[in-house]
C-alpha atoms as a PDB file:
ATOM      1  CA  MET A   1      86.373 129.905  70.419  1.00  0.00           C
ATOM      2  CA  ASP A   2      85.054 126.291  73.020  1.00  0.00           C
ATOM      3  CA  ARG A   3      82.488 124.913  70.413  1.00  0.00           C
ATOM      4  CA  ALA A   4      84.926 123.857  67.859  1.00  0.00           C
ATOM      5  CA  CYS A   5      83.213 121.751  65.411  1.00  0.00           C
ATOM      6  CA  GLY A   6      80.700 121.674  67.876  1.00  0.00           C
ATOM      7  CA  ALA A   7      81.659 120.264  71.082  1.00  0.00           C
ATOM      8  CA  ASP A   8      83.093 121.416  73.862  1.00  0.00           C
ATOM      9  CA  LEU A   9      86.626 121.936  75.187  1.00  0.00           C
ATOM     10  CA  VAL A  10      87.176 118.932  77.966  1.00  0.00           C
ATOM     11  CA  TYR A  11      90.212 119.452  80.140  1.00  0.00           C
ATOM     12  CA  LEU A  12      93.006 117.548  79.079  1.00  0.00           C
ATOM     13  CA  CYS A  13      96.028 117.344  81.267  1.00  0.00           C
ATOM     14  CA  GLN A  14      98.245 120.114  83.078  1.00  0.00           C
ATOM     15  CA  VAL A  15     101.834 120.491  82.301  1.00  0.00           C
ATOM     16  CA  PRO A  16     103.461 122.206  85.641  1.00  0.00           C
ATOM     17  CA  GLU A  17     106.144 125.055  85.219  1.00  0.00           C
ATOM     18  CA  ASP A  18     109.760 124.892  84.630  1.00  0.00           C
ATOM     19  CA  ARG A  19     108.860 121.351  82.990  1.00  0.00           C
ATOM     20  CA  ASP A  20     112.171 119.651  82.404  1.00  0.00           C
ATOM     21  CA  PHE A  21     112.965 117.524  79.927  1.00  0.00           C
ATOM     22  CA  ALA A  22     116.598 116.048  79.087  1.00  0.00           C
ATOM     23  CA  VAL A  23     119.464 117.058  76.042  1.00  0.00           C
ATOM     24  CA  ARG A  24     119.724 114.151  74.208  1.00  0.00           C
ATOM     25  CA  PRO A  25     123.561 113.699  72.936  1.00  0.00           C
ATOM     26  CA  GLY A  26     124.364 115.760  69.542  1.00  0.00           C
ATOM     27  CA  LEU A  27     121.275 117.846  70.732  1.00  0.00           C
ATOM     28  CA  PRO A  28     121.993 121.731  70.571  1.00  0.00           C
ATOM     29  CA  GLU A  29     121.339 123.302  74.226  1.00  0.00           C
ATOM     30  CA  GLN A  30     118.626 125.454  74.588  1.00  0.00           C
ATOM     31  CA  PRO A  31     119.406 129.463  74.405  1.00  0.00           C
ATOM     32  CA  TYR A  32     118.804 131.092  77.748  1.00  0.00           C
ATOM     33  CA  SER A  33     118.729 127.958  79.773  1.00  0.00           C
ATOM     34  CA  ILE A  34     119.301 127.641  82.984  1.00  0.00           C
ATOM     35  CA  ARG A  35     120.881 123.645  82.625  1.00  0.00           C
ATOM     36  CA  PRO A  36     122.952 123.102  79.339  1.00  0.00           C
ATOM     37  CA  ASP A  37     121.593 119.528  80.005  1.00  0.00           C
ATOM     38  CA  THR A  38     118.266 120.338  79.686  1.00  0.00           C
ATOM     39  CA  TYR A  39     115.192 122.037  77.951  1.00  0.00           C
ATOM     40  CA  GLN A  40     112.170 123.447  79.830  1.00  0.00           C
ATOM     41  CA  LEU A  41     108.836 123.691  77.525  1.00  0.00           C
ATOM     42  CA  PHE A  42     106.774 126.819  79.141  1.00  0.00           C
ATOM     43  CA  LEU A  43     109.501 127.933  80.828  1.00  0.00           C
ATOM     44  CA  GLY A  44     107.895 129.707  84.075  1.00  0.00           C
ATOM     45  CA  ASN A  45     104.276 128.825  83.422  1.00  0.00           C
ATOM     46  CA  GLU A  46     102.229 126.537  84.133  1.00  0.00           C
ATOM     47  CA  THR A  47     100.164 125.460  81.306  1.00  0.00           C
ATOM     48  CA  CYS A  48      96.394 123.329  81.610  1.00  0.00           C
ATOM     49  CA  LEU A  49      95.989 121.689  77.699  1.00  0.00           C
ATOM     50  CA  LEU A  50      91.974 121.472  76.215  1.00  0.00           C
ATOM     51  CA  ALA A  51      91.240 119.445  73.674  1.00  0.00           C
ATOM     52  CA  TRP A  52      87.890 119.617  71.720  1.00  0.00           C
ATOM     53  CA  SER A  53      85.308 116.388  72.939  1.00  0.00           C
ATOM     54  CA  ALA A  54      84.149 115.804  69.396  1.00  0.00           C
ATOM     55  CA  HIS A  55      88.025 114.968  68.476  1.00  0.00           C
ATOM     56  CA  CYS A  56      87.778 116.217  65.064  1.00  0.00           C
ATOM     57  CA  ASP A  57      91.414 117.852  64.446  1.00  0.00           C
ATOM     58  CA  PRO A  58      94.360 115.229  66.428  1.00  0.00           C
ATOM     59  CA  ALA A  59      95.850 118.189  66.450  1.00  0.00           C
ATOM     60  CA  ALA A  60      92.824 120.604  68.076  1.00  0.00           C
ATOM     61  CA  VAL A  61      94.219 121.539  71.817  1.00  0.00           C
ATOM     62  CA  TRP A  62      94.325 124.513  73.418  1.00  0.00           C
ATOM     63  CA  PRO A  63      96.944 125.520  76.361  1.00  0.00           C
ATOM     64  CA  VAL A  64      96.120 127.974  78.739  1.00  0.00           C
ATOM     65  CA  ASN A  65      98.930 130.019  80.285  1.00  0.00           C
ATOM     66  CA  GLN A  66      98.093 129.874  84.092  1.00  0.00           C
ATOM     67  CA  HIS A  67     100.291 132.968  84.731  1.00  0.00           C
END
């Protein structure tokens, strides 16, 4: 898994745990959310995103949860 496209995985970014995003007007609330005005991504998990350095596929990203 660490050599897709013949390339190494590299650190891309880190998303902090309980990352909030505002709900746009007219869109539904996130089920079981703590607040009705936000969506939460990776609820309770700090997440690092790794990607393959060869850029063989735009979707070639590997998420790694820290909890």
